[in-house]
Amino acid sequence: SHLELGENMLSKEYLPHKNLKITP
């Protein structure tokens, strides 16, 4: 399984980092 989704999708180890968005 993949740890990737929360309040945002993870792109870095610093979890609050959220420069990238998920398209619909």
mmCIF file of all heavy atoms, coordinates in Angstrom:
data_MODEL
# 
_entry.id   MODEL 
# 
loop_
_atom_site.group_PDB 
_atom_site.id 
_atom_site.type_symbol 
_atom_site.label_atom_id 
_atom_site.label_alt_id 
_atom_site.label_comp_id 
_atom_site.label_asym_id 
_atom_site.label_entity_id 
_atom_site.label_seq_id 
_atom_site.pdbx_PDB_ins_code 
_atom_site.Cartn_x 
_atom_site.Cartn_y 
_atom_site.Cartn_z 
_atom_site.occupancy 
_atom_site.B_iso_or_equiv 
_atom_site.pdbx_formal_charge 
_atom_site.auth_seq_id 
_atom_site.auth_comp_id 
_atom_site.auth_asym_id 
_atom_site.auth_atom_id 
_atom_site.pdbx_PDB_model_num 
ATOM 1   N N   . SER A 1 1  ? 0.854   -1.172 0.000   1.00 0.00 ? 1  SER A N   1 
ATOM 2   C CA  . SER A 1 1  ? 0.000   0.000  0.000   1.00 0.00 ? 1  SER A CA  1 
ATOM 3   C C   . SER A 1 1  ? 0.897   1.231  0.000   1.00 0.00 ? 1  SER A C   1 
ATOM 4   O O   . SER A 1 1  ? 2.080   1.145  0.334   1.00 0.00 ? 1  SER A O   1 
ATOM 5   C CB  . SER A 1 1  ? -0.928  -0.004 1.212   1.00 0.00 ? 1  SER A CB  1 
ATOM 6   O OG  . SER A 1 1  ? -1.846  1.066  1.156   1.00 0.00 ? 1  SER A OG  1 
ATOM 7   N N   . HIS A 1 2  ? 0.336   2.383  -0.352  1.00 0.00 ? 2  HIS A N   1 
ATOM 8   C CA  . HIS A 1 2  ? 1.119   3.588  -0.593  1.00 0.00 ? 2  HIS A CA  1 
ATOM 9   C C   . HIS A 1 2  ? 0.669   4.689  0.360   1.00 0.00 ? 2  HIS A C   1 
ATOM 10  O O   . HIS A 1 2  ? -0.499  5.065  0.365   1.00 0.00 ? 2  HIS A O   1 
ATOM 11  C CB  . HIS A 1 2  ? 0.923   4.042  -2.052  1.00 0.00 ? 2  HIS A CB  1 
ATOM 12  C CG  . HIS A 1 2  ? 1.894   5.088  -2.504  1.00 0.00 ? 2  HIS A CG  1 
ATOM 13  N ND1 . HIS A 1 2  ? 1.801   5.675  -3.753  1.00 0.00 ? 2  HIS A ND1 1 
ATOM 14  C CD2 . HIS A 1 2  ? 2.976   5.653  -1.912  1.00 0.00 ? 2  HIS A CD2 1 
ATOM 15  C CE1 . HIS A 1 2  ? 2.783   6.546  -3.887  1.00 0.00 ? 2  HIS A CE1 1 
ATOM 16  N NE2 . HIS A 1 2  ? 3.504   6.547  -2.786  1.00 0.00 ? 2  HIS A NE2 1 
ATOM 17  N N   . LEU A 1 3  ? 1.587   5.195  1.182   1.00 0.00 ? 3  LEU A N   1 
ATOM 18  C CA  . LEU A 1 3  ? 1.310   6.360  2.010   1.00 0.00 ? 3  LEU A CA  1 
ATOM 19  C C   . LEU A 1 3  ? 1.430   7.595  1.122   1.00 0.00 ? 3  LEU A C   1 
ATOM 20  O O   . LEU A 1 3  ? 2.532   8.035  0.809   1.00 0.00 ? 3  LEU A O   1 
ATOM 21  C CB  . LEU A 1 3  ? 2.302   6.442  3.178   1.00 0.00 ? 3  LEU A CB  1 
ATOM 22  C CG  . LEU A 1 3  ? 2.152   7.648  4.093   1.00 0.00 ? 3  LEU A CG  1 
ATOM 23  C CD1 . LEU A 1 3  ? 0.902   7.517  4.949   1.00 0.00 ? 3  LEU A CD1 1 
ATOM 24  C CD2 . LEU A 1 3  ? 3.374   7.821  4.977   1.00 0.00 ? 3  LEU A CD2 1 
ATOM 25  N N   . GLU A 1 4  ? 0.303   8.166  0.718   1.00 0.00 ? 4  GLU A N   1 
ATOM 26  C CA  . GLU A 1 4  ? 0.373   9.295  -0.206  1.00 0.00 ? 4  GLU A CA  1 
ATOM 27  C C   . GLU A 1 4  ? -0.731  10.327 -0.024  1.00 0.00 ? 4  GLU A C   1 
ATOM 28  O O   . GLU A 1 4  ? -0.592  11.462 -0.465  1.00 0.00 ? 4  GLU A O   1 
ATOM 29  C CB  . GLU A 1 4  ? 0.339   8.794  -1.660  1.00 0.00 ? 4  GLU A CB  1 
ATOM 30  C CG  . GLU A 1 4  ? -0.915  8.018  -2.029  1.00 0.00 ? 4  GLU A CG  1 
ATOM 31  C CD  . GLU A 1 4  ? -0.924  7.558  -3.484  1.00 0.00 ? 4  GLU A CD  1 
ATOM 32  O OE1 . GLU A 1 4  ? -0.180  8.122  -4.306  1.00 0.00 ? 4  GLU A OE1 1 
ATOM 33  O OE2 . GLU A 1 4  ? -1.684  6.623  -3.798  1.00 0.00 ? 4  GLU A OE2 1 
ATOM 34  N N   . LEU A 1 5  ? -1.844  9.960  0.623   1.00 0.00 ? 5  LEU A N   1 
ATOM 35  C CA  . LEU A 1 5  ? -3.004  10.846 0.667   1.00 0.00 ? 5  LEU A CA  1 
ATOM 36  C C   . LEU A 1 5  ? -3.331  11.263 2.089   1.00 0.00 ? 5  LEU A C   1 
ATOM 37  O O   . LEU A 1 5  ? -3.352  10.452 3.003   1.00 0.00 ? 5  LEU A O   1 
ATOM 38  C CB  . LEU A 1 5  ? -4.223  10.147 0.055   1.00 0.00 ? 5  LEU A CB  1 
ATOM 39  C CG  . LEU A 1 5  ? -4.108  9.784  -1.421  1.00 0.00 ? 5  LEU A CG  1 
ATOM 40  C CD1 . LEU A 1 5  ? -5.275  8.903  -1.839  1.00 0.00 ? 5  LEU A CD1 1 
ATOM 41  C CD2 . LEU A 1 5  ? -4.055  11.046 -2.271  1.00 0.00 ? 5  LEU A CD2 1 
ATOM 42  N N   . GLY A 1 6  ? -3.575  12.549 2.260   1.00 0.00 ? 6  GLY A N   1 
ATOM 43  C CA  . GLY A 1 6  ? -4.020  13.107 3.528   1.00 0.00 ? 6  GLY A CA  1 
ATOM 44  C C   . GLY A 1 6  ? -4.770  14.382 3.234   1.00 0.00 ? 6  GLY A C   1 
ATOM 45  O O   . GLY A 1 6  ? -5.646  14.423 2.361   1.00 0.00 ? 6  GLY A O   1 
ATOM 46  N N   . GLU A 1 7  ? -4.438  15.452 3.939   1.00 0.00 ? 7  GLU A N   1 
ATOM 47  C CA  . GLU A 1 7  ? -5.028  16.751 3.590   1.00 0.00 ? 7  GLU A CA  1 
ATOM 48  C C   . GLU A 1 7  ? -4.530  17.215 2.223   1.00 0.00 ? 7  GLU A C   1 
ATOM 49  O O   . GLU A 1 7  ? -5.157  18.048 1.569   1.00 0.00 ? 7  GLU A O   1 
ATOM 50  C CB  . GLU A 1 7  ? -4.686  17.780 4.658   1.00 0.00 ? 7  GLU A CB  1 
ATOM 51  C CG  . GLU A 1 7  ? -5.413  17.560 5.965   1.00 0.00 ? 7  GLU A CG  1 
ATOM 52  C CD  . GLU A 1 7  ? -5.128  18.665 6.959   1.00 0.00 ? 7  GLU A CD  1 
ATOM 53  O OE1 . GLU A 1 7  ? -3.972  18.751 7.414   1.00 0.00 ? 7  GLU A OE1 1 
ATOM 54  O OE2 . GLU A 1 7  ? -6.042  19.417 7.276   1.00 0.00 ? 7  GLU A OE2 1 
ATOM 55  N N   . ASN A 1 8  ? -3.403  16.696 1.830   1.00 0.00 ? 8  ASN A N   1 
ATOM 56  C CA  . ASN A 1 8  ? -2.869  16.925 0.493   1.00 0.00 ? 8  ASN A CA  1 
ATOM 57  C C   . ASN A 1 8  ? -2.154  15.639 0.081   1.00 0.00 ? 8  ASN A C   1 
ATOM 58  O O   . ASN A 1 8  ? -1.979  14.733 0.881   1.00 0.00 ? 8  ASN A O   1 
ATOM 59  C CB  . ASN A 1 8  ? -1.896  18.110 0.471   1.00 0.00 ? 8  ASN A CB  1 
ATOM 60  C CG  . ASN A 1 8  ? -0.846  18.021 1.572   1.00 0.00 ? 8  ASN A CG  1 
ATOM 61  O OD1 . ASN A 1 8  ? -1.114  18.354 2.720   1.00 0.00 ? 8  ASN A OD1 1 
ATOM 62  N ND2 . ASN A 1 8  ? 0.356   17.581 1.224   1.00 0.00 ? 8  ASN A ND2 1 
ATOM 63  N N   . MET A 1 9  ? -1.763  15.566 -1.185  1.00 0.00 ? 9  MET A N   1 
ATOM 64  C CA  . MET A 1 9  ? -1.006  14.406 -1.646  1.00 0.00 ? 9  MET A CA  1 
ATOM 65  C C   . MET A 1 9  ? 0.482   14.677 -1.432  1.00 0.00 ? 9  MET A C   1 
ATOM 66  O O   . MET A 1 9  ? 0.964   15.794 -1.657  1.00 0.00 ? 9  MET A O   1 
ATOM 67  C CB  . MET A 1 9  ? -1.293  14.153 -3.126  1.00 0.00 ? 9  MET A CB  1 
ATOM 68  C CG  . MET A 1 9  ? -0.751  12.832 -3.619  1.00 0.00 ? 9  MET A CG  1 
ATOM 69  S SD  . MET A 1 9  ? -1.448  12.411 -5.232  1.00 0.00 ? 9  MET A SD  1 
ATOM 70  C CE  . MET A 1 9  ? -0.714  10.813 -5.474  1.00 0.00 ? 9  MET A CE  1 
ATOM 71  N N   . LEU A 1 10 ? 1.204   13.647 -0.992  1.00 0.00 ? 10 LEU A N   1 
ATOM 72  C CA  . LEU A 1 10 ? 2.590   13.845 -0.591  1.00 0.00 ? 10 LEU A CA  1 
ATOM 73  C C   . LEU A 1 10 ? 3.538   13.839 -1.786  1.00 0.00 ? 10 LEU A C   1 
ATOM 74  O O   . LEU A 1 10 ? 3.507   12.930 -2.606  1.00 0.00 ? 10 LEU A O   1 
ATOM 75  C CB  . LEU A 1 10 ? 3.014   12.749 0.392   1.00 0.00 ? 10 LEU A CB  1 
ATOM 76  C CG  . LEU A 1 10 ? 2.181   12.637 1.668   1.00 0.00 ? 10 LEU A CG  1 
ATOM 77  C CD1 . LEU A 1 10 ? 2.782   11.584 2.582   1.00 0.00 ? 10 LEU A CD1 1 
ATOM 78  C CD2 . LEU A 1 10 ? 2.084   13.969 2.373   1.00 0.00 ? 10 LEU A CD2 1 
ATOM 79  N N   . SER A 1 11 ? 4.385   14.869 -1.821  1.00 0.00 ? 11 SER A N   1 
ATOM 80  C CA  . SER A 1 11 ? 5.448   14.913 -2.819  1.00 0.00 ? 11 SER A CA  1 
ATOM 81  C C   . SER A 1 11 ? 6.820   15.019 -2.170  1.00 0.00 ? 11 SER A C   1 
ATOM 82  O O   . SER A 1 11 ? 7.839   14.841 -2.839  1.00 0.00 ? 11 SER A O   1 
ATOM 83  C CB  . SER A 1 11 ? 5.249   16.099 -3.770  1.00 0.00 ? 11 SER A CB  1 
ATOM 84  O OG  . SER A 1 11 ? 5.212   17.322 -3.036  1.00 0.00 ? 11 SER A OG  1 
ATOM 85  N N   . LYS A 1 12 ? 6.858   15.307 -0.870  1.00 0.00 ? 12 LYS A N   1 
ATOM 86  C CA  . LYS A 1 12 ? 8.118   15.404 -0.135  1.00 0.00 ? 12 LYS A CA  1 
ATOM 87  C C   . LYS A 1 12 ? 7.928   14.863 1.272   1.00 0.00 ? 12 LYS A C   1 
ATOM 88  O O   . LYS A 1 12 ? 6.798   14.694 1.751   1.00 0.00 ? 12 LYS A O   1 
ATOM 89  C CB  . LYS A 1 12 ? 8.615   16.852 -0.078  1.00 0.00 ? 12 LYS A CB  1 
ATOM 90  C CG  . LYS A 1 12 ? 9.111   17.400 -1.423  1.00 0.00 ? 12 LYS A CG  1 
ATOM 91  C CD  . LYS A 1 12 ? 9.714   18.780 -1.259  1.00 0.00 ? 12 LYS A CD  1 
ATOM 92  C CE  . LYS A 1 12 ? 10.151  19.364 -2.606  1.00 0.00 ? 12 LYS A CE  1 
ATOM 93  N NZ  . LYS A 1 12 ? 11.326  18.695 -3.173  1.00 0.00 ? 12 LYS A NZ  1 
ATOM 94  N N   . GLU A 1 13 ? 9.057   14.614 1.940   1.00 0.00 ? 13 GLU A N   1 
ATOM 95  C CA  . GLU A 1 13 ? 9.017   14.063 3.291   1.00 0.00 ? 13 GLU A CA  1 
ATOM 96  C C   . GLU A 1 13 ? 8.470   15.055 4.313   1.00 0.00 ? 13 GLU A C   1 
ATOM 97  O O   . GLU A 1 13 ? 8.029   14.663 5.401   1.00 0.00 ? 13 GLU A O   1 
ATOM 98  C CB  . GLU A 1 13 ? 10.407  13.580 3.716   1.00 0.00 ? 13 GLU A CB  1 
ATOM 99  C CG  . GLU A 1 13 ? 11.440  14.666 3.949   1.00 0.00 ? 13 GLU A CG  1 
ATOM 100 C CD  . GLU A 1 13 ? 12.125  15.156 2.682   1.00 0.00 ? 13 GLU A CD  1 
ATOM 101 O OE1 . GLU A 1 13 ? 11.585  14.966 1.568   1.00 0.00 ? 13 GLU A OE1 1 
ATOM 102 O OE2 . GLU A 1 13 ? 13.222  15.721 2.804   1.00 0.00 ? 13 GLU A OE2 1 
ATOM 103 N N   . TYR A 1 14 ? 8.518   16.353 3.998   1.00 0.00 ? 14 TYR A N   1 
ATOM 104 C CA  . TYR A 1 14 ? 7.900   17.351 4.868   1.00 0.00 ? 14 TYR A CA  1 
ATOM 105 C C   . TYR A 1 14 ? 6.422   17.402 4.504   1.00 0.00 ? 14 TYR A C   1 
ATOM 106 O O   . TYR A 1 14 ? 6.018   17.983 3.503   1.00 0.00 ? 14 TYR A O   1 
ATOM 107 C CB  . TYR A 1 14 ? 8.565   18.712 4.678   1.00 0.00 ? 14 TYR A CB  1 
ATOM 108 C CG  . TYR A 1 14 ? 7.985   19.805 5.552   1.00 0.00 ? 14 TYR A CG  1 
ATOM 109 C CD1 . TYR A 1 14 ? 7.946   19.651 6.936   1.00 0.00 ? 14 TYR A CD1 1 
ATOM 110 C CD2 . TYR A 1 14 ? 7.483   20.969 5.000   1.00 0.00 ? 14 TYR A CD2 1 
ATOM 111 C CE1 . TYR A 1 14 ? 7.409   20.638 7.737   1.00 0.00 ? 14 TYR A CE1 1 
ATOM 112 C CE2 . TYR A 1 14 ? 6.945   21.961 5.796   1.00 0.00 ? 14 TYR A CE2 1 
ATOM 113 C CZ  . TYR A 1 14 ? 6.914   21.795 7.167   1.00 0.00 ? 14 TYR A CZ  1 
ATOM 114 O OH  . TYR A 1 14 ? 6.377   22.768 7.969   1.00 0.00 ? 14 TYR A OH  1 
ATOM 115 N N   . LEU A 1 15 ? 5.594   16.746 5.324   1.00 0.00 ? 15 LEU A N   1 
ATOM 116 C CA  . LEU A 1 15 ? 4.224   16.466 4.919   1.00 0.00 ? 15 LEU A CA  1 
ATOM 117 C C   . LEU A 1 15 ? 3.372   17.706 4.650   1.00 0.00 ? 15 LEU A C   1 
ATOM 118 O O   . LEU A 1 15 ? 2.489   17.652 3.794   1.00 0.00 ? 15 LEU A O   1 
ATOM 119 C CB  . LEU A 1 15 ? 3.549   15.558 5.953   1.00 0.00 ? 15 LEU A CB  1 
ATOM 120 C CG  . LEU A 1 15 ? 4.272   14.236 6.265   1.00 0.00 ? 15 LEU A CG  1 
ATOM 121 C CD1 . LEU A 1 15 ? 3.354   13.308 7.055   1.00 0.00 ? 15 LEU A CD1 1 
ATOM 122 C CD2 . LEU A 1 15 ? 4.764   13.534 5.013   1.00 0.00 ? 15 LEU A CD2 1 
ATOM 123 N N   . PRO A 1 16 ? 3.566   18.842 5.353   1.00 0.00 ? 16 PRO A N   1 
ATOM 124 C CA  . PRO A 1 16 ? 2.746   20.015 5.016   1.00 0.00 ? 16 PRO A CA  1 
ATOM 125 C C   . PRO A 1 16 ? 3.059   20.634 3.647   1.00 0.00 ? 16 PRO A C   1 
ATOM 126 O O   . PRO A 1 16 ? 2.307   21.495 3.175   1.00 0.00 ? 16 PRO A O   1 
ATOM 127 C CB  . PRO A 1 16 ? 3.063   21.006 6.142   1.00 0.00 ? 16 PRO A CB  1 
ATOM 128 C CG  . PRO A 1 16 ? 3.553   20.159 7.270   1.00 0.00 ? 16 PRO A CG  1 
ATOM 129 C CD  . PRO A 1 16 ? 4.310   19.042 6.609   1.00 0.00 ? 16 PRO A CD  1 
ATOM 130 N N   . HIS A 1 17 ? 4.164   20.226 3.011   1.00 0.00 ? 17 HIS A N   1 
ATOM 131 C CA  . HIS A 1 17 ? 4.509   20.760 1.688   1.00 0.00 ? 17 HIS A CA  1 
ATOM 132 C C   . HIS A 1 17 ? 3.410   20.401 0.682   1.00 0.00 ? 17 HIS A C   1 
ATOM 133 O O   . HIS A 1 17 ? 3.044   19.238 0.544   1.00 0.00 ? 17 HIS A O   1 
ATOM 134 C CB  . HIS A 1 17 ? 5.848   20.160 1.238   1.00 0.00 ? 17 HIS A CB  1 
ATOM 135 C CG  . HIS A 1 17 ? 6.285   20.603 -0.126  1.00 0.00 ? 17 HIS A CG  1 
ATOM 136 N ND1 . HIS A 1 17 ? 6.964   21.768 -0.350  1.00 0.00 ? 17 HIS A ND1 1 
ATOM 137 C CD2 . HIS A 1 17 ? 6.122   20.030 -1.346  1.00 0.00 ? 17 HIS A CD2 1 
ATOM 138 C CE1 . HIS A 1 17 ? 7.219   21.896 -1.640  1.00 0.00 ? 17 HIS A CE1 1 
ATOM 139 N NE2 . HIS A 1 17 ? 6.719   20.852 -2.263  1.00 0.00 ? 17 HIS A NE2 1 
ATOM 140 N N   . LYS A 1 18 ? 2.876   21.382 -0.005  1.00 0.00 ? 18 LYS A N   1 
ATOM 141 C CA  . LYS A 1 18 ? 1.750   21.108 -0.909  1.00 0.00 ? 18 LYS A CA  1 
ATOM 142 C C   . LYS A 1 18 ? 1.742   22.022 -2.128  1.00 0.00 ? 18 LYS A C   1 
ATOM 143 O O   . LYS A 1 18 ? 0.737   22.644 -2.454  1.00 0.00 ? 18 LYS A O   1 
ATOM 144 C CB  . LYS A 1 18 ? 0.425   21.209 -0.154  1.00 0.00 ? 18 LYS A CB  1 
ATOM 145 C CG  . LYS A 1 18 ? 0.242   22.473 0.690   1.00 0.00 ? 18 LYS A CG  1 
ATOM 146 C CD  . LYS A 1 18 ? -1.065  22.392 1.463   1.00 0.00 ? 18 LYS A CD  1 
ATOM 147 C CE  . LYS A 1 18 ? -1.234  23.606 2.365   1.00 0.00 ? 18 LYS A CE  1 
ATOM 148 N NZ  . LYS A 1 18 ? -2.480  23.533 3.160   1.00 0.00 ? 18 LYS A NZ  1 
ATOM 149 N N   . ASN A 1 19 ? 2.873   22.074 -2.823  1.00 0.00 ? 19 ASN A N   1 
ATOM 150 C CA  . ASN A 1 19 ? 2.939   22.873 -4.049  1.00 0.00 ? 19 ASN A CA  1 
ATOM 151 C C   . ASN A 1 19 ? 2.124   22.257 -5.180  1.00 0.00 ? 19 ASN A C   1 
ATOM 152 O O   . ASN A 1 19 ? 1.614   22.970 -6.041  1.00 0.00 ? 19 ASN A O   1 
ATOM 153 C CB  . ASN A 1 19 ? 4.390   23.042 -4.508  1.00 0.00 ? 19 ASN A CB  1 
ATOM 154 C CG  . ASN A 1 19 ? 5.093   24.176 -3.786  1.00 0.00 ? 19 ASN A CG  1 
ATOM 155 O OD1 . ASN A 1 19 ? 4.457   24.976 -3.110  1.00 0.00 ? 19 ASN A OD1 1 
ATOM 156 N ND2 . ASN A 1 19 ? 6.406   24.250 -3.932  1.00 0.00 ? 19 ASN A ND2 1 
ATOM 157 N N   . LEU A 1 20 ? 2.034   20.932 -5.214  1.00 0.00 ? 20 LEU A N   1 
ATOM 158 C CA  . LEU A 1 20 ? 1.331   20.264 -6.310  1.00 0.00 ? 20 LEU A CA  1 
ATOM 159 C C   . LEU A 1 20 ? -0.099  19.928 -5.905  1.00 0.00 ? 20 LEU A C   1 
ATOM 160 O O   . LEU A 1 20 ? -0.357  19.501 -4.787  1.00 0.00 ? 20 LEU A O   1 
ATOM 161 C CB  . LEU A 1 20 ? 2.067   18.986 -6.724  1.00 0.00 ? 20 LEU A CB  1 
ATOM 162 C CG  . LEU A 1 20 ? 3.503   19.157 -7.223  1.00 0.00 ? 20 LEU A CG  1 
ATOM 163 C CD1 . LEU A 1 20 ? 4.069   17.810 -7.662  1.00 0.00 ? 20 LEU A CD1 1 
ATOM 164 C CD2 . LEU A 1 20 ? 3.574   20.166 -8.371  1.00 0.00 ? 20 LEU A CD2 1 
ATOM 165 N N   . LYS A 1 21 ? -1.015  20.099 -6.846  1.00 0.00 ? 21 LYS A N   1 
ATOM 166 C CA  . LYS A 1 21 ? -2.426  19.814 -6.612  1.00 0.00 ? 21 LYS A CA  1 
ATOM 167 C C   . LYS A 1 21 ? -2.845  18.575 -7.404  1.00 0.00 ? 21 LYS A C   1 
ATOM 168 O O   . LYS A 1 21 ? -2.225  18.205 -8.403  1.00 0.00 ? 21 LYS A O   1 
ATOM 169 C CB  . LYS A 1 21 ? -3.301  21.001 -7.049  1.00 0.00 ? 21 LYS A CB  1 
ATOM 170 C CG  . LYS A 1 21 ? -2.891  22.344 -6.460  1.00 0.00 ? 21 LYS A CG  1 
ATOM 171 C CD  . LYS A 1 21 ? -2.976  22.348 -4.938  1.00 0.00 ? 21 LYS A CD  1 
ATOM 172 C CE  . LYS A 1 21 ? -2.594  23.708 -4.384  1.00 0.00 ? 21 LYS A CE  1 
ATOM 173 N NZ  . LYS A 1 21 ? -2.514  23.704 -2.901  1.00 0.00 ? 21 LYS A NZ  1 
ATOM 174 N N   . ILE A 1 22 ? -3.916  17.939 -6.934  1.00 0.00 ? 22 ILE A N   1 
ATOM 175 C CA  . ILE A 1 22 ? -4.509  16.806 -7.642  1.00 0.00 ? 22 ILE A CA  1 
ATOM 176 C C   . ILE A 1 22 ? -5.619  17.325 -8.546  1.00 0.00 ? 22 ILE A C   1 
ATOM 177 O O   . ILE A 1 22 ? -6.507  18.041 -8.088  1.00 0.00 ? 22 ILE A O   1 
ATOM 178 C CB  . ILE A 1 22 ? -5.095  15.786 -6.650  1.00 0.00 ? 22 ILE A CB  1 
ATOM 179 C CG1 . ILE A 1 22 ? -4.004  15.255 -5.709  1.00 0.00 ? 22 ILE A CG1 1 
ATOM 180 C CG2 . ILE A 1 22 ? -5.739  14.617 -7.379  1.00 0.00 ? 22 ILE A CG2 1 
ATOM 181 C CD1 . ILE A 1 22 ? -4.539  14.332 -4.625  1.00 0.00 ? 22 ILE A CD1 1 
ATOM 182 N N   . THR A 1 23 ? -5.567  16.979 -9.815  1.00 0.00 ? 23 THR A N   1 
ATOM 183 C CA  . THR A 1 23 ? -6.645  17.385 -10.724 1.00 0.00 ? 23 THR A CA  1 
ATOM 184 C C   . THR A 1 23 ? -7.904  16.564 -10.425 1.00 0.00 ? 23 THR A C   1 
ATOM 185 O O   . THR A 1 23 ? -7.827  15.470 -9.849  1.00 0.00 ? 23 THR A O   1 
ATOM 186 C CB  . THR A 1 23 ? -6.247  17.161 -12.186 1.00 0.00 ? 23 THR A CB  1 
ATOM 187 O OG1 . THR A 1 23 ? -6.056  15.751 -12.396 1.00 0.00 ? 23 THR A OG1 1 
ATOM 188 C CG2 . THR A 1 23 ? -4.962  17.910 -12.526 1.00 0.00 ? 23 THR A CG2 1 
ATOM 189 N N   . PRO A 1 24 ? -9.084  17.057 -10.798 1.00 0.00 ? 24 PRO A N   1 
ATOM 190 C CA  . PRO A 1 24 ? -10.306 16.263 -10.606 1.00 0.00 ? 24 PRO A CA  1 
ATOM 191 C C   . PRO A 1 24 ? -10.221 14.900 -11.289 1.00 0.00 ? 24 PRO A C   1 
ATOM 192 O O   . PRO A 1 24 ? -10.729 13.904 -10.760 1.00 0.00 ? 24 PRO A O   1 
ATOM 193 C CB  . PRO A 1 24 ? -11.390 17.145 -11.228 1.00 0.00 ? 24 PRO A CB  1 
ATOM 194 C CG  . PRO A 1 24 ? -10.868 18.544 -11.106 1.00 0.00 ? 24 PRO A CG  1 
ATOM 195 C CD  . PRO A 1 24 ? -9.387  18.415 -11.300 1.00 0.00 ? 24 PRO A CD  1 
# 
